Amino acid sequence: MRRPSQPRGRPRWKARKSVQVERERPERPATGDDDVPGRLALAVGRLNRRIRSATGGLSHGQLSALSTIVRNGPLRPSEIAAIEVVAAPTITRVVSDLEARGLVERTPDPDDGRSFFVSGTQAGVDLLLAARSDRARAVAAILAELTPEEVDALRRALPALEQAAHIARPAP
């Protein structure tokens, strides 16, 4: 049986229109220096990428959770999620990944058979110390590219950045 024919003058397929995409984008939005959120997001993102390789093979989220566990552990997963400001399923995945790498261990909660505590292993502590050292070297190299005045400006901004990141400031 023959297929019904298409109306004359209309192709069976539509040609895709070629769209020219502008590849060059300005570094800063058109709003200028007053776009603090946009500029800060861009700067933080780029700095994170520059120091990403100094995380001991872990994602930033995994490294942050490991740091929380080593510093404050043993902790229940819900406590880790609250400190890290992430959802419970996210922490469940992160803890599972860290446990599979031998960086944390689970121990049963003696008061609640349904729950458990997470604590860092010696391998986790060692990796965390090495990653911190590597990151500090990476940040020091970035700071070395700046003028003393720019470094001083960053030093003065640290309390506000620590507050925004919910990081407890060191005691004076």
Protein backbone atom coordinates (compact mmCIF):
# COMPACT_ATOMS: atom_id res chain seq x y z
CA MET A 1 0.00 0.00 0.00
CA ARG A 2 1.20 3.43 -0.90
CA ARG A 3 1.79 6.10 1.75
CA PRO A 4 -0.34 9.18 1.54
CA SER A 5 1.67 11.89 -0.06
CA GLN A 6 2.65 15.10 1.63
CA PRO A 7 1.00 18.24 0.36
CA ARG A 8 3.02 19.66 -2.46
CA GLY A 9 5.46 22.38 -1.60
CA ARG A 10 6.11 21.15 1.98
CA PRO A 11 9.19 19.01 2.61
CA ARG A 12 8.85 15.91 4.79
CA TRP A 13 11.59 17.18 7.07
CA LYS A 14 12.29 20.62 8.38
CA ALA A 15 15.70 22.10 7.94
CA ARG A 16 17.23 23.43 11.13
CA LYS A 17 17.93 27.08 11.09
CA SER A 18 21.50 27.97 11.78
CA VAL A 19 21.70 30.17 14.84
CA GLN A 20 24.72 32.33 15.49
CA VAL A 21 25.60 32.19 19.19
CA GLU A 22 27.62 34.97 20.67
CA ARG A 23 30.67 33.30 22.22
CA GLU A 24 32.30 36.36 23.72
CA ARG A 25 30.72 37.38 26.99
CA PRO A 26 31.82 40.22 29.20
CA GLU A 27 33.49 39.25 32.47
CA ARG A 28 31.18 41.49 34.47
CA PRO A 29 27.49 42.13 34.00
CA ALA A 30 26.46 45.42 32.49
CA THR A 31 25.33 46.66 35.92
CA GLY A 32 28.96 47.34 36.84
CA ASP A 33 30.65 47.45 40.23
CA ASP A 34 27.40 47.43 42.20
CA ASP A 35 26.62 43.79 41.23
CA VAL A 36 28.13 42.35 44.42
CA PRO A 37 26.28 39.00 44.26
CA GLY A 38 27.27 38.35 40.65
CA ARG A 39 30.87 39.43 41.08
CA LEU A 40 31.29 37.46 44.30
CA ALA A 41 29.77 34.33 42.73
CA LEU A 42 32.12 34.63 39.76
CA ALA A 43 35.19 35.21 41.94
CA VAL A 44 34.38 32.37 44.35
CA GLY A 45 33.66 30.00 41.48
CA ARG A 46 36.91 30.78 39.71
CA LEU A 47 38.95 30.53 42.92
CA ASN A 48 37.35 27.17 43.67
CA ARG A 49 38.31 25.90 40.23
CA ARG A 50 41.89 27.08 40.73
CA ILE A 51 42.26 25.14 43.98
CA ARG A 52 40.04 22.18 43.01
CA SER A 53 43.00 19.92 42.30
CA ALA A 54 44.14 20.31 45.90
CA THR A 55 41.29 18.30 47.42
CA GLY A 56 42.90 14.88 47.76
CA GLY A 57 40.72 13.42 45.02
CA LEU A 58 37.49 14.36 46.82
CA SER A 59 34.81 16.79 45.73
CA HIS A 60 34.51 19.98 47.73
CA GLY A 61 31.34 18.63 49.34
CA GLN A 62 33.04 15.39 50.36
CA LEU A 63 36.07 17.24 51.70
CA SER A 64 33.88 19.63 53.67
CA ALA A 65 31.84 16.78 55.17
CA LEU A 66 35.01 14.86 56.04
CA SER A 67 36.38 17.96 57.74
CA THR A 68 33.15 18.35 59.74
CA ILE A 69 33.22 14.69 60.77
CA VAL A 70 36.89 14.75 61.80
CA ARG A 71 36.54 18.07 63.65
CA ASN A 72 33.22 17.37 65.41
CA GLY A 73 32.71 13.60 65.26
CA PRO A 74 31.36 11.20 66.02
CA LEU A 75 28.15 12.62 64.57
CA ARG A 76 24.80 11.31 63.39
CA PRO A 77 24.16 11.87 59.66
CA SER A 78 21.41 14.37 60.51
CA GLU A 79 23.92 16.42 62.52
CA ILE A 80 26.37 16.39 59.60
CA ALA A 81 23.59 17.51 57.23
CA ALA A 82 22.67 20.38 59.57
CA ILE A 83 26.28 21.57 59.87
CA GLU A 84 26.90 21.25 56.12
CA VAL A 85 23.51 22.83 55.32
CA VAL A 86 22.51 20.07 52.89
CA ALA A 87 19.63 17.61 52.63
CA ALA A 88 19.73 14.25 54.42
CA PRO A 89 19.86 12.21 51.18
CA THR A 90 22.92 14.20 50.09
CA ILE A 91 24.76 13.39 53.33
CA THR A 92 23.74 9.75 53.06
CA ARG A 93 25.47 9.57 49.65
CA VAL A 94 28.52 11.53 50.85
CA VAL A 95 28.96 9.34 53.96
CA SER A 96 28.59 6.20 51.83
CA ASP A 97 31.26 7.45 49.41
CA LEU A 98 33.63 8.39 52.25
CA GLU A 99 33.04 5.05 53.94
CA ALA A 100 33.73 3.16 50.69
CA ARG A 101 37.08 4.98 50.50
CA GLY A 102 37.89 4.01 54.09
CA LEU A 103 37.88 7.65 55.27
CA VAL A 104 35.01 7.35 57.77
CA GLU A 105 33.42 4.55 59.73
CA ARG A 106 29.96 3.94 61.14
CA THR A 107 29.27 2.77 64.67
CA PRO A 108 25.84 1.88 66.01
CA ASP A 109 24.06 4.40 68.22
CA PRO A 110 23.68 2.60 71.59
CA ASP A 111 20.56 4.66 72.39
CA ASP A 112 18.81 4.21 69.03
CA GLY A 113 19.19 0.97 67.10
CA ARG A 114 17.98 2.67 63.91
CA SER A 115 20.72 5.27 63.92
CA PHE A 116 24.50 5.33 63.80
CA PHE A 117 27.42 7.64 64.39
CA VAL A 118 30.03 8.58 61.79
CA SER A 119 33.63 9.24 62.73
CA GLY A 120 36.83 9.77 60.77
CA THR A 121 39.38 7.00 60.32
CA GLN A 122 43.11 7.58 60.47
CA ALA A 123 43.16 7.45 56.65
CA GLY A 124 40.48 10.18 56.63
CA VAL A 125 42.46 12.34 59.05
CA ASP A 126 45.63 11.87 56.99
CA LEU A 127 43.89 12.72 53.71
CA LEU A 128 42.24 15.77 55.28
CA LEU A 129 45.57 17.09 56.60
CA ALA A 130 47.25 16.53 53.23
CA ALA A 131 44.38 18.20 51.35
CA ARG A 132 44.42 21.19 53.72
CA SER A 133 48.15 21.56 53.20
CA ASP A 134 47.78 21.30 49.41
CA ARG A 135 44.93 23.82 49.41
CA ALA A 136 46.89 26.22 51.61
CA ARG A 137 49.80 26.03 49.15
CA ALA A 138 47.42 26.64 46.21
CA VAL A 139 45.87 29.66 47.94
CA ALA A 140 49.32 30.98 48.90
CA ALA A 141 50.32 30.80 45.23
CA ILE A 142 47.19 32.76 44.27
CA LEU A 143 47.89 35.38 46.96
CA ALA A 144 51.48 35.68 45.72
CA GLU A 145 50.07 37.01 42.43
CA LEU A 146 48.45 39.94 44.25
CA THR A 147 49.82 43.21 45.57
CA PRO A 148 50.26 43.64 49.35
CA GLU A 149 47.32 46.06 49.29
CA GLU A 150 45.07 43.48 47.61
CA VAL A 151 46.09 40.81 50.13
CA ASP A 152 45.32 43.25 52.96
CA ALA A 153 41.89 43.97 51.43
CA LEU A 154 41.19 40.21 51.39
CA ARG A 155 42.34 39.94 55.02
CA ARG A 156 39.90 42.68 56.01
CA ALA A 157 37.08 40.94 54.08
CA LEU A 158 37.65 37.55 55.77
CA PRO A 159 35.29 38.12 58.74
CA ALA A 160 32.42 38.95 56.40
CA LEU A 161 33.22 36.02 54.11
CA GLU A 162 33.46 33.64 57.08
CA GLN A 163 30.12 34.92 58.37
CA ALA A 164 28.49 34.46 54.96
CA ALA A 165 29.87 30.90 54.77
CA HIS A 166 28.75 30.09 58.34
CA ILE A 167 32.33 29.43 59.41
CA ALA A 168 33.15 29.91 63.07
CA ARG A 169 35.96 32.44 63.34
CA PRO A 170 39.06 31.46 65.28
CA ALA A 171 39.31 32.85 68.80
CA PRO A 172 41.64 35.89 69.09
